[in-house]
Amino acid sequence: MVRIDDSGKRTKCWLDYPDEVDDLATAARRTDWERDIAMKLMGFVGCRVSGVASARPDGVTYNNDGDYWQIEIRGKNTKGGEKTIRDAYLPRRVKDMLDIYAEERDIADDEPYVDASESTIRRWVKESAEEMYEETGNERWLSVSSHDLRRSWATHHLVEKDVPVRVMMEIGGWSSYEAIEPYLTKPTPETIGREMQAAGLV
Protein backbone atom coordinates (compact mmCIF):
# COMPACT_ATOMS: atom_id res chain seq x y z
CA MET A 1 0.00 0.00 0.00
CA VAL A 2 1.20 3.53 -0.77
CA ARG A 3 2.84 4.96 2.35
CA ILE A 4 2.47 8.64 3.03
CA ASP A 5 4.01 11.43 5.11
CA ASP A 6 2.00 14.64 5.12
CA SER A 7 3.70 16.22 8.15
CA GLY A 8 5.72 18.71 6.11
CA LYS A 9 4.98 21.38 3.55
CA ARG A 10 4.88 18.76 0.80
CA THR A 11 3.23 15.38 1.00
CA LYS A 12 5.69 12.56 0.36
CA CYS A 13 4.66 9.11 -0.84
CA TRP A 14 6.45 5.78 -1.12
CA LEU A 15 5.11 3.15 -3.47
CA ASP A 16 5.57 -0.53 -2.67
CA TYR A 17 8.54 -1.43 -4.85
CA PRO A 18 8.40 -2.73 -7.50
CA ASP A 19 4.73 -3.76 -7.57
CA GLU A 20 3.02 -0.38 -7.24
CA VAL A 21 5.52 1.25 -9.60
CA ASP A 22 4.58 -1.42 -12.14
CA ASP A 23 0.89 -0.81 -11.41
CA LEU A 24 1.27 2.91 -12.11
CA ALA A 25 3.22 2.23 -15.31
CA THR A 26 0.55 -0.24 -16.44
CA ALA A 27 -2.17 2.36 -15.82
CA ALA A 28 -0.14 4.86 -17.86
CA ARG A 29 0.28 2.42 -20.72
CA ARG A 30 -3.48 2.03 -21.06
CA THR A 31 -3.42 5.60 -22.39
CA ASP A 32 -0.14 5.49 -24.31
CA TRP A 33 3.09 3.47 -24.31
CA GLU A 34 5.17 6.66 -24.12
CA ARG A 35 3.67 7.36 -20.69
CA ASP A 36 4.62 3.87 -19.55
CA ILE A 37 8.22 4.48 -20.65
CA ALA A 38 8.32 7.75 -18.70
CA MET A 39 7.10 5.98 -15.54
CA LYS A 40 9.74 3.26 -15.93
CA LEU A 41 12.53 5.80 -16.39
CA MET A 42 11.49 7.52 -13.15
CA GLY A 43 10.56 4.44 -11.14
CA PHE A 44 13.22 1.93 -12.20
CA VAL A 45 16.10 4.11 -13.43
CA GLY A 46 15.64 6.89 -10.89
CA CYS A 47 15.30 9.74 -13.37
CA ARG A 48 14.03 13.09 -12.25
CA VAL A 49 11.32 14.54 -14.50
CA SER A 50 13.94 16.88 -15.94
CA GLY A 51 16.05 13.91 -16.99
CA VAL A 52 13.35 11.76 -18.58
CA ALA A 53 13.36 13.61 -21.90
CA SER A 54 17.16 13.39 -22.14
CA ALA A 55 17.14 9.59 -22.38
CA ARG A 56 17.90 8.46 -25.96
CA PRO A 57 18.84 5.19 -27.68
CA ASP A 58 22.37 6.40 -28.40
CA GLY A 59 22.83 7.01 -24.68
CA VAL A 60 22.45 3.31 -23.86
CA THR A 61 25.80 1.57 -23.46
CA TYR A 62 27.20 -1.56 -21.88
CA ASN A 63 29.67 -0.98 -19.08
CA ASN A 64 32.23 -3.73 -19.57
CA ASP A 65 34.07 -2.91 -16.36
CA GLY A 66 30.94 -3.20 -14.25
CA ASP A 67 29.11 -5.77 -16.41
CA TYR A 68 25.83 -3.83 -16.61
CA TRP A 69 23.80 -1.62 -18.93
CA GLN A 70 23.71 2.13 -18.36
CA ILE A 71 21.97 5.11 -19.89
CA GLU A 72 23.18 8.67 -20.20
CA ILE A 73 20.92 11.13 -18.41
CA ARG A 74 21.15 14.90 -18.31
CA GLY A 75 19.58 16.47 -15.27
CA LYS A 76 19.64 18.60 -12.17
CA ASN A 77 22.95 19.56 -10.63
CA THR A 78 22.40 19.29 -6.86
CA LYS A 79 25.29 21.73 -6.39
CA GLY A 80 23.48 24.29 -8.55
CA GLY A 81 24.38 25.62 -11.97
CA GLU A 82 24.20 23.90 -15.34
CA LYS A 83 22.61 20.49 -15.74
CA THR A 84 25.01 17.59 -15.41
CA ILE A 85 25.40 14.35 -17.34
CA ARG A 86 25.47 11.02 -15.53
CA ASP A 87 25.39 7.39 -16.45
CA ALA A 88 22.42 5.79 -14.68
CA TYR A 89 22.21 2.07 -14.01
CA LEU A 90 19.74 0.54 -16.48
CA PRO A 91 18.00 -2.66 -15.35
CA ARG A 92 18.01 -5.27 -18.11
CA ARG A 93 14.21 -5.55 -18.24
CA VAL A 94 13.90 -1.78 -18.75
CA LYS A 95 16.65 -1.85 -21.38
CA ASP A 96 14.80 -4.57 -23.28
CA MET A 97 11.56 -2.57 -23.08
CA LEU A 98 13.32 0.55 -24.41
CA ASP A 99 14.73 -1.44 -27.32
CA ILE A 100 11.31 -2.79 -28.28
CA TYR A 101 9.68 0.61 -27.85
CA ALA A 102 12.28 2.42 -29.99
CA GLU A 103 11.91 -0.15 -32.76
CA GLU A 104 8.10 -0.12 -32.68
CA ARG A 105 7.91 3.70 -32.65
CA ASP A 106 10.77 4.12 -35.14
CA ILE A 107 12.73 6.35 -32.77
CA ALA A 108 16.10 7.41 -34.17
CA ASP A 109 19.22 6.93 -32.07
CA ASP A 110 19.51 10.65 -31.34
CA GLU A 111 15.81 11.18 -30.56
CA PRO A 112 14.35 11.05 -27.05
CA TYR A 113 12.29 8.07 -25.97
CA VAL A 114 9.89 10.52 -24.33
CA ASP A 115 9.15 13.68 -26.31
CA ALA A 116 7.23 15.69 -23.72
CA SER A 117 7.66 18.68 -21.44
CA GLU A 118 8.27 18.38 -17.71
CA SER A 119 4.79 19.67 -16.94
CA THR A 120 3.27 17.09 -19.29
CA ILE A 121 5.19 14.24 -17.64
CA ARG A 122 4.03 15.41 -14.20
CA ARG A 123 0.46 15.49 -15.49
CA TRP A 124 0.81 11.94 -16.81
CA VAL A 125 1.78 10.75 -13.34
CA LYS A 126 -1.17 12.50 -11.72
CA GLU A 127 -3.59 11.08 -14.29
CA SER A 128 -2.26 7.55 -13.84
CA ALA A 129 -2.39 7.93 -10.05
CA GLU A 130 -6.01 9.07 -10.32
CA GLU A 131 -6.74 5.98 -12.39
CA MET A 132 -5.15 3.84 -9.66
CA TYR A 133 -7.38 5.56 -7.09
CA GLU A 134 -10.46 4.79 -9.15
CA GLU A 135 -9.32 1.18 -9.50
CA THR A 136 -8.36 0.58 -5.85
CA GLY A 137 -10.34 3.14 -3.84
CA ASN A 138 -7.11 4.00 -1.99
CA GLU A 139 -7.12 7.80 -1.60
CA ARG A 140 -3.36 7.85 -1.02
CA TRP A 141 -2.86 7.46 -4.75
CA LEU A 142 -4.23 10.98 -5.16
CA SER A 143 -1.15 12.34 -3.36
CA VAL A 144 1.38 10.53 -5.57
CA SER A 145 3.62 12.82 -7.62
CA SER A 146 6.32 12.29 -10.22
CA HIS A 147 9.09 12.69 -7.65
CA ASP A 148 7.57 9.91 -5.55
CA LEU A 149 8.66 7.45 -8.24
CA ARG A 150 12.30 8.50 -7.78
CA ARG A 151 11.80 8.59 -4.01
CA SER A 152 10.44 5.04 -3.99
CA TRP A 153 13.34 3.84 -6.17
CA ALA A 154 15.96 5.48 -3.98
CA THR A 155 14.50 4.43 -0.63
CA HIS A 156 14.01 0.84 -1.78
CA HIS A 157 17.64 0.49 -2.76
CA LEU A 158 19.10 2.44 0.16
CA VAL A 159 16.89 1.17 2.97
CA GLU A 160 15.51 -2.17 1.82
CA LYS A 161 18.45 -3.49 -0.23
CA ASP A 162 21.33 -1.77 1.61
CA VAL A 163 22.92 -0.51 -1.61
CA PRO A 164 25.89 1.63 -0.49
CA VAL A 165 25.19 5.36 -0.37
CA ARG A 166 28.16 6.14 -2.62
CA VAL A 167 26.83 3.80 -5.32
CA MET A 168 23.39 5.42 -5.17
CA MET A 169 24.92 8.89 -5.30
CA GLU A 170 26.77 7.93 -8.47
CA ILE A 171 23.86 6.32 -10.33
CA GLY A 172 21.21 8.71 -8.99
CA GLY A 173 22.98 12.01 -9.55
CA TRP A 174 23.32 13.23 -5.96
CA SER A 175 26.46 15.28 -5.41
CA SER A 176 26.46 15.31 -1.60
CA TYR A 177 25.39 13.23 1.36
CA GLU A 178 23.06 16.05 2.42
CA ALA A 179 21.20 15.72 -0.88
CA ILE A 180 20.66 11.97 -0.58
CA GLU A 181 20.12 11.78 3.19
CA PRO A 182 16.33 12.36 3.06
CA TYR A 183 15.98 9.13 1.03
CA LEU A 184 17.53 7.08 3.84
CA THR A 185 14.29 7.21 5.81
CA LYS A 186 10.90 5.49 5.79
CA PRO A 187 11.52 1.71 5.87
CA THR A 188 8.67 -0.54 4.78
CA PRO A 189 6.50 -2.28 7.38
CA GLU A 190 8.16 -5.57 6.35
CA THR A 191 11.58 -4.15 7.20
CA ILE A 192 10.34 -2.70 10.48
CA GLY A 193 8.83 -6.05 11.47
CA ARG A 194 11.92 -8.00 10.45
CA GLU A 195 14.32 -5.71 12.31
CA MET A 196 12.20 -5.54 15.43
CA GLN A 197 11.84 -9.32 15.50
CA ALA A 198 15.59 -9.75 15.03
CA ALA A 199 16.12 -7.39 17.98
CA GLY A 200 13.72 -9.47 20.08
CA LEU A 201 11.34 -6.55 20.57
CA VAL A 202 8.07 -8.26 19.63
C-alpha atoms as a PDB file:
ATOM      1  CA  MET A   1       0.000   0.000   0.000  1.00  0.00           C
ATOM      2  CA  VAL A   2       1.197   3.530  -0.767  1.00  0.00           C
ATOM      3  CA  ARG A   3       2.845   4.958   2.353  1.00  0.00           C
ATOM      4  CA  ILE A   4       2.466   8.643   3.033  1.00  0.00           C
ATOM      5  CA  ASP A   5       4.013  11.429   5.106  1.00  0.00           C
ATOM      6  CA  ASP A   6       2.004  14.645   5.121  1.00  0.00           C
ATOM      7  CA  SER A   7       3.697  16.217   8.149  1.00  0.00           C
ATOM      8  CA  GLY A   8       5.720  18.707   6.107  1.00  0.00           C
ATOM      9  CA  LYS A   9       4.976  21.382   3.554  1.00  0.00           C
ATOM     10  CA  ARG A  10       4.882  18.761   0.797  1.00  0.00           C
ATOM     11  CA  THR A  11       3.231  15.379   1.003  1.00  0.00           C
ATOM     12  CA  LYS A  12       5.691  12.555   0.363  1.00  0.00           C
ATOM     13  CA  CYS A  13       4.664   9.107  -0.842  1.00  0.00           C
ATOM     14  CA  TRP A  14       6.449   5.781  -1.116  1.00  0.00           C
ATOM     15  CA  LEU A  15       5.111   3.149  -3.471  1.00  0.00           C
ATOM     16  CA  ASP A  16       5.574  -0.528  -2.670  1.00  0.00           C
ATOM     17  CA  TYR A  17       8.535  -1.426  -4.849  1.00  0.00           C
ATOM     18  CA  PRO A  18       8.404  -2.729  -7.503  1.00  0.00           C
ATOM     19  CA  ASP A  19       4.728  -3.760  -7.573  1.00  0.00           C
ATOM     20  CA  GLU A  20       3.023  -0.377  -7.244  1.00  0.00           C
ATOM     21  CA  VAL A  21       5.518   1.247  -9.601  1.00  0.00           C
ATOM     22  CA  ASP A  22       4.578  -1.417 -12.145  1.00  0.00           C
ATOM     23  CA  ASP A  23       0.891  -0.811 -11.408  1.00  0.00           C
ATOM     24  CA  LEU A  24       1.274   2.905 -12.110  1.00  0.00           C
ATOM     25  CA  ALA A  25       3.216   2.229 -15.314  1.00  0.00           C
ATOM     26  CA  THR A  26       0.545  -0.238 -16.442  1.00  0.00           C
ATOM     27  CA  ALA A  27      -2.173   2.358 -15.824  1.00  0.00           C
ATOM     28  CA  ALA A  28      -0.142   4.860 -17.855  1.00  0.00           C
ATOM     29  CA  ARG A  29       0.281   2.417 -20.722  1.00  0.00           C
ATOM     30  CA  ARG A  30      -3.482   2.030 -21.063  1.00  0.00           C
ATOM     31  CA  THR A  31      -3.416   5.598 -22.390  1.00  0.00           C
ATOM     32  CA  ASP A  32      -0.140   5.486 -24.312  1.00  0.00           C
ATOM     33  CA  TRP A  33       3.085   3.471 -24.308  1.00  0.00           C
ATOM     34  CA  GLU A  34       5.172   6.660 -24.118  1.00  0.00           C
ATOM     35  CA  ARG A  35       3.672   7.361 -20.694  1.00  0.00           C
ATOM     36  CA  ASP A  36       4.622   3.874 -19.547  1.00  0.00           C
ATOM     37  CA  ILE A  37       8.225   4.484 -20.654  1.00  0.00           C
ATOM     38  CA  ALA A  38       8.324   7.753 -18.704  1.00  0.00           C
ATOM     39  CA  MET A  39       7.103   5.981 -15.538  1.00  0.00           C
ATOM     40  CA  LYS A  40       9.735   3.261 -15.928  1.00  0.00           C
ATOM     41  CA  LEU A  41      12.532   5.798 -16.388  1.00  0.00           C
ATOM     42  CA  MET A  42      11.491   7.523 -13.154  1.00  0.00           C
ATOM     43  CA  GLY A  43      10.556   4.442 -11.145  1.00  0.00           C
ATOM     44  CA  PHE A  44      13.216   1.929 -12.204  1.00  0.00           C
ATOM     45  CA  VAL A  45      16.100   4.105 -13.428  1.00  0.00           C
ATOM     46  CA  GLY A  46      15.642   6.891 -10.885  1.00  0.00           C
ATOM     47  CA  CYS A  47      15.299   9.739 -13.372  1.00  0.00           C
ATOM     48  CA  ARG A  48      14.029  13.088 -12.253  1.00  0.00           C
ATOM     49  CA  VAL A  49      11.319  14.538 -14.499  1.00  0.00           C
ATOM     50  CA  SER A  50      13.942  16.876 -15.935  1.00  0.00           C
ATOM     51  CA  GLY A  51      16.049  13.907 -16.988  1.00  0.00           C
ATOM     52  CA  VAL A  52      13.351  11.764 -18.576  1.00  0.00           C
ATOM     53  CA  ALA A  53      13.359  13.611 -21.905  1.00  0.00           C
ATOM     54  CA  SER A  54      17.159  13.389 -22.136  1.00  0.00           C
ATOM     55  CA  ALA A  55      17.144   9.585 -22.382  1.00  0.00           C
ATOM     56  CA  ARG A  56      17.899   8.464 -25.958  1.00  0.00           C
ATOM     57  CA  PRO A  57      18.837   5.194 -27.677  1.00  0.00           C
ATOM     58  CA  ASP A  58      22.367   6.401 -28.404  1.00  0.00           C
ATOM     59  CA  GLY A  59      22.830   7.011 -24.679  1.00  0.00           C
ATOM     60  CA  VAL A  60      22.446   3.312 -23.857  1.00  0.00           C
ATOM     61  CA  THR A  61      25.798   1.570 -23.463  1.00  0.00           C
ATOM     62  CA  TYR A  62      27.195  -1.555 -21.878  1.00  0.00           C
ATOM     63  CA  ASN A  63      29.673  -0.979 -19.082  1.00  0.00           C
ATOM     64  CA  ASN A  64      32.232  -3.733 -19.571  1.00  0.00           C
ATOM     65  CA  ASP A  65      34.067  -2.911 -16.363  1.00  0.00           C
ATOM     66  CA  GLY A  66      30.936  -3.199 -14.253  1.00  0.00           C
ATOM     67  CA  ASP A  67      29.111  -5.771 -16.408  1.00  0.00           C
ATOM     68  CA  TYR A  68      25.827  -3.830 -16.611  1.00  0.00           C
ATOM     69  CA  TRP A  69      23.804  -1.619 -18.933  1.00  0.00           C
ATOM     70  CA  GLN A  70      23.710   2.126 -18.356  1.00  0.00           C
ATOM     71  CA  ILE A  71      21.971   5.111 -19.886  1.00  0.00           C
ATOM     72  CA  GLU A  72      23.181   8.669 -20.196  1.00  0.00           C
ATOM     73  CA  ILE A  73      20.916  11.132 -18.409  1.00  0.00           C
ATOM     74  CA  ARG A  74      21.150  14.905 -18.307  1.00  0.00           C
ATOM     75  CA  GLY A  75      19.579  16.466 -15.266  1.00  0.00           C
ATOM     76  CA  LYS A  76      19.636  18.597 -12.173  1.00  0.00           C
ATOM     77  CA  ASN A  77      22.948  19.560 -10.633  1.00  0.00           C
ATOM     78  CA  THR A  78      22.404  19.287  -6.858  1.00  0.00           C
ATOM     79  CA  LYS A  79      25.292  21.730  -6.386  1.00  0.00           C
ATOM     80  CA  GLY A  80      23.480  24.287  -8.548  1.00  0.00           C
ATOM     81  CA  GLY A  81      24.384  25.617 -11.969  1.00  0.00           C
ATOM     82  CA  GLU A  82      24.197  23.899 -15.338  1.00  0.00           C
ATOM     83  CA  LYS A  83      22.606  20.488 -15.741  1.00  0.00           C
ATOM     84  CA  THR A  84      25.005  17.589 -15.410  1.00  0.00           C
ATOM     85  CA  ILE A  85      25.402  14.347 -17.338  1.00  0.00           C
ATOM     86  CA  ARG A  86      25.474  11.023 -15.526  1.00  0.00           C
ATOM     87  CA  ASP A  87      25.387   7.389 -16.449  1.00  0.00           C
ATOM     88  CA  ALA A  88      22.425   5.794 -14.684  1.00  0.00           C
ATOM     89  CA  TYR A  89      22.209   2.074 -14.008  1.00  0.00           C
ATOM     90  CA  LEU A  90      19.743   0.542 -16.478  1.00  0.00           C
ATOM     91  CA  PRO A  91      18.001  -2.662 -15.352  1.00  0.00           C
ATOM     92  CA  ARG A  92      18.009  -5.270 -18.107  1.00  0.00           C
ATOM     93  CA  ARG A  93      14.212  -5.547 -18.241  1.00  0.00           C
ATOM     94  CA  VAL A  94      13.903  -1.781 -18.752  1.00  0.00           C
ATOM     95  CA  LYS A  95      16.650  -1.853 -21.381  1.00  0.00           C
ATOM     96  CA  ASP A  96      14.799  -4.574 -23.278  1.00  0.00           C
ATOM     97  CA  MET A  97      11.563  -2.573 -23.084  1.00  0.00           C
ATOM     98  CA  LEU A  98      13.321   0.547 -24.406  1.00  0.00           C
ATOM     99  CA  ASP A  99      14.733  -1.439 -27.324  1.00  0.00           C
ATOM    100  CA  ILE A 100      11.312  -2.792 -28.278  1.00  0.00           C
ATOM    101  CA  TYR A 101       9.679   0.612 -27.847  1.00  0.00           C
ATOM    102  CA  ALA A 102      12.280   2.416 -29.986  1.00  0.00           C
ATOM    103  CA  GLU A 103      11.909  -0.146 -32.759  1.00  0.00           C
ATOM    104  CA  GLU A 104       8.097  -0.116 -32.677  1.00  0.00           C
ATOM    105  CA  ARG A 105       7.908   3.703 -32.647  1.00  0.00           C
ATOM    106  CA  ASP A 106      10.772   4.124 -35.143  1.00  0.00           C
ATOM    107  CA  ILE A 107      12.727   6.350 -32.769  1.00  0.00           C
ATOM    108  CA  ALA A 108      16.102   7.415 -34.166  1.00  0.00           C
ATOM    109  CA  ASP A 109      19.217   6.933 -32.066  1.00  0.00           C
ATOM    110  CA  ASP A 110      19.511  10.655 -31.337  1.00  0.00           C
ATOM    111  CA  GLU A 111      15.810  11.181 -30.563  1.00  0.00           C
ATOM    112  CA  PRO A 112      14.353  11.050 -27.048  1.00  0.00           C
ATOM    113  CA  TYR A 113      12.290   8.069 -25.974  1.00  0.00           C
ATOM    114  CA  VAL A 114       9.889  10.520 -24.332  1.00  0.00           C
ATOM    115  CA  ASP A 115       9.152  13.684 -26.308  1.00  0.00           C
ATOM    116  CA  ALA A 116       7.232  15.686 -23.716  1.00  0.00           C
ATOM    117  CA  SER A 117       7.659  18.680 -21.440  1.00  0.00           C
ATOM    118  CA  GLU A 118       8.275  18.378 -17.710  1.00  0.00           C
ATOM    119  CA  SER A 119       4.787  19.669 -16.944  1.00  0.00           C
ATOM    120  CA  THR A 120       3.271  17.089 -19.286  1.00  0.00           C
ATOM    121  CA  ILE A 121       5.185  14.242 -17.639  1.00  0.00           C
ATOM    122  CA  ARG A 122       4.028  15.410 -14.201  1.00  0.00           C
ATOM    123  CA  ARG A 123       0.456  15.490 -15.491  1.00  0.00           C
ATOM    124  CA  TRP A 124       0.812  11.936 -16.808  1.00  0.00           C
ATOM    125  CA  VAL A 125       1.780  10.751 -13.342  1.00  0.00           C
ATOM    126  CA  LYS A 126      -1.171  12.500 -11.719  1.00  0.00           C
ATOM    127  CA  GLU A 127      -3.592  11.084 -14.287  1.00  0.00           C
ATOM    128  CA  SER A 128      -2.256   7.550 -13.841  1.00  0.00           C
ATOM    129  CA  ALA A 129      -2.393   7.927 -10.051  1.00  0.00           C
ATOM    130  CA  GLU A 130      -6.008   9.070 -10.317  1.00  0.00           C
ATOM    131  CA  GLU A 131      -6.740   5.977 -12.391  1.00  0.00           C
ATOM    132  CA  MET A 132      -5.151   3.835  -9.664  1.00  0.00           C
ATOM    133  CA  TYR A 133      -7.379   5.561  -7.085  1.00  0.00           C
ATOM    134  CA  GLU A 134     -10.462   4.787  -9.154  1.00  0.00           C
ATOM    135  CA  GLU A 135      -9.322   1.181  -9.499  1.00  0.00           C
ATOM    136  CA  THR A 136      -8.361   0.584  -5.850  1.00  0.00           C
ATOM    137  CA  GLY A 137     -10.341   3.142  -3.836  1.00  0.00           C
ATOM    138  CA  ASN A 138      -7.109   4.000  -1.994  1.00  0.00           C
ATOM    139  CA  GLU A 139      -7.122   7.799  -1.600  1.00  0.00           C
ATOM    140  CA  ARG A 140      -3.365   7.848  -1.019  1.00  0.00           C
ATOM    141  CA  TRP A 141      -2.855   7.457  -4.750  1.00  0.00           C
ATOM    142  CA  LEU A 142      -4.231  10.983  -5.159  1.00  0.00           C
ATOM    143  CA  SER A 143      -1.147  12.338  -3.358  1.00  0.00           C
ATOM    144  CA  VAL A 144       1.382  10.535  -5.568  1.00  0.00           C
ATOM    145  CA  SER A 145       3.616  12.824  -7.622  1.00  0.00           C
ATOM    146  CA  SER A 146       6.320  12.288 -10.220  1.00  0.00           C
ATOM    147  CA  HIS A 147       9.092  12.690  -7.650  1.00  0.00           C
ATOM    148  CA  ASP A 148       7.565   9.907  -5.550  1.00  0.00           C
ATOM    149  CA  LEU A 149       8.663   7.447  -8.237  1.00  0.00           C
ATOM    150  CA  ARG A 150      12.298   8.497  -7.782  1.00  0.00           C
ATOM    151  CA  ARG A 151      11.801   8.595  -4.009  1.00  0.00           C
ATOM    152  CA  SER A 152      10.445   5.044  -3.991  1.00  0.00           C
ATOM    153  CA  TRP A 153      13.339   3.841  -6.175  1.00  0.00           C
ATOM    154  CA  ALA A 154      15.962   5.480  -3.980  1.00  0.00           C
ATOM    155  CA  THR A 155      14.499   4.431  -0.634  1.00  0.00           C
ATOM    156  CA  HIS A 156      14.009   0.842  -1.777  1.00  0.00           C
ATOM    157  CA  HIS A 157      17.642   0.488  -2.764  1.00  0.00           C
ATOM    158  CA  LEU A 158      19.099   2.444   0.157  1.00  0.00           C
ATOM    159  CA  VAL A 159      16.891   1.167   2.969  1.00  0.00           C
ATOM    160  CA  GLU A 160      15.513  -2.171   1.824  1.00  0.00           C
ATOM    161  CA  LYS A 161      18.446  -3.487  -0.228  1.00  0.00           C
ATOM    162  CA  ASP A 162      21.328  -1.766   1.608  1.00  0.00           C
ATOM    163  CA  VAL A 163      22.920  -0.510  -1.609  1.00  0.00           C
ATOM    164  CA  PRO A 164      25.895   1.631  -0.489  1.00  0.00           C
ATOM    165  CA  VAL A 165      25.188   5.360  -0.372  1.00  0.00           C
ATOM    166  CA  ARG A 166      28.164   6.139  -2.623  1.00  0.00           C
ATOM    167  CA  VAL A 167      26.832   3.800  -5.315  1.00  0.00           C
ATOM    168  CA  MET A 168      23.395   5.415  -5.168  1.00  0.00           C
ATOM    169  CA  MET A 169      24.920   8.886  -5.300  1.00  0.00           C
ATOM    170  CA  GLU A 170      26.767   7.930  -8.475  1.00  0.00           C
ATOM    171  CA  ILE A 171      23.858   6.316 -10.333  1.00  0.00           C
ATOM    172  CA  GLY A 172      21.207   8.705  -8.989  1.00  0.00           C
ATOM    173  CA  GLY A 173      22.976  12.005  -9.552  1.00  0.00           C
ATOM    174  CA  TRP A 174      23.325  13.234  -5.963  1.00  0.00           C
ATOM    175  CA  SER A 175      26.459  15.278  -5.411  1.00  0.00           C
ATOM    176  CA  SER A 176      26.458  15.311  -1.601  1.00  0.00           C
ATOM    177  CA  TYR A 177      25.392  13.228   1.363  1.00  0.00           C
ATOM    178  CA  GLU A 178      23.057  16.047   2.419  1.00  0.00           C
ATOM    179  CA  ALA A 179      21.200  15.725  -0.882  1.00  0.00           C
ATOM    180  CA  ILE A 180      20.659  11.974  -0.579  1.00  0.00           C
ATOM    181  CA  GLU A 181      20.117  11.777   3.191  1.00  0.00           C
ATOM    182  CA  PRO A 182      16.330  12.357   3.056  1.00  0.00           C
ATOM    183  CA  TYR A 183      15.979   9.134   1.033  1.00  0.00           C
ATOM    184  CA  LEU A 184      17.525   7.081   3.838  1.00  0.00           C
ATOM    185  CA  THR A 185      14.291   7.208   5.812  1.00  0.00           C
ATOM    186  CA  LYS A 186      10.899   5.488   5.788  1.00  0.00           C
ATOM    187  CA  PRO A 187      11.519   1.709   5.867  1.00  0.00           C
ATOM    188  CA  THR A 188       8.667  -0.538   4.782  1.00  0.00           C
ATOM    189  CA  PRO A 189       6.495  -2.279   7.382  1.00  0.00           C
ATOM    190  CA  GLU A 190       8.157  -5.566   6.352  1.00  0.00           C
ATOM    191  CA  THR A 191      11.577  -4.150   7.199  1.00  0.00           C
ATOM    192  CA  ILE A 192      10.336  -2.701  10.483  1.00  0.00           C
ATOM    193  CA  GLY A 193       8.830  -6.047  11.468  1.00  0.00           C
ATOM    194  CA  ARG A 194      11.921  -8.004  10.448  1.00  0.00           C
ATOM    195  CA  GLU A 195      14.324  -5.707  12.305  1.00  0.00           C
ATOM    196  CA  MET A 196      12.202  -5.538  15.433  1.00  0.00           C
ATOM    197  CA  GLN A 197      11.843  -9.321  15.502  1.00  0.00           C
ATOM    198  CA  ALA A 198      15.589  -9.745  15.029  1.00  0.00           C
ATOM    199  CA  ALA A 199      16.115  -7.391  17.984  1.00  0.00           C
ATOM    200  CA  GLY A 200      13.715  -9.473  20.085  1.00  0.00           C
ATOM    201  CA  LEU A 201      11.342  -6.554  20.575  1.00  0.00           C
ATOM    202  CA  VAL A 202       8.066  -8.256  19.627  1.00  0.00           C
END
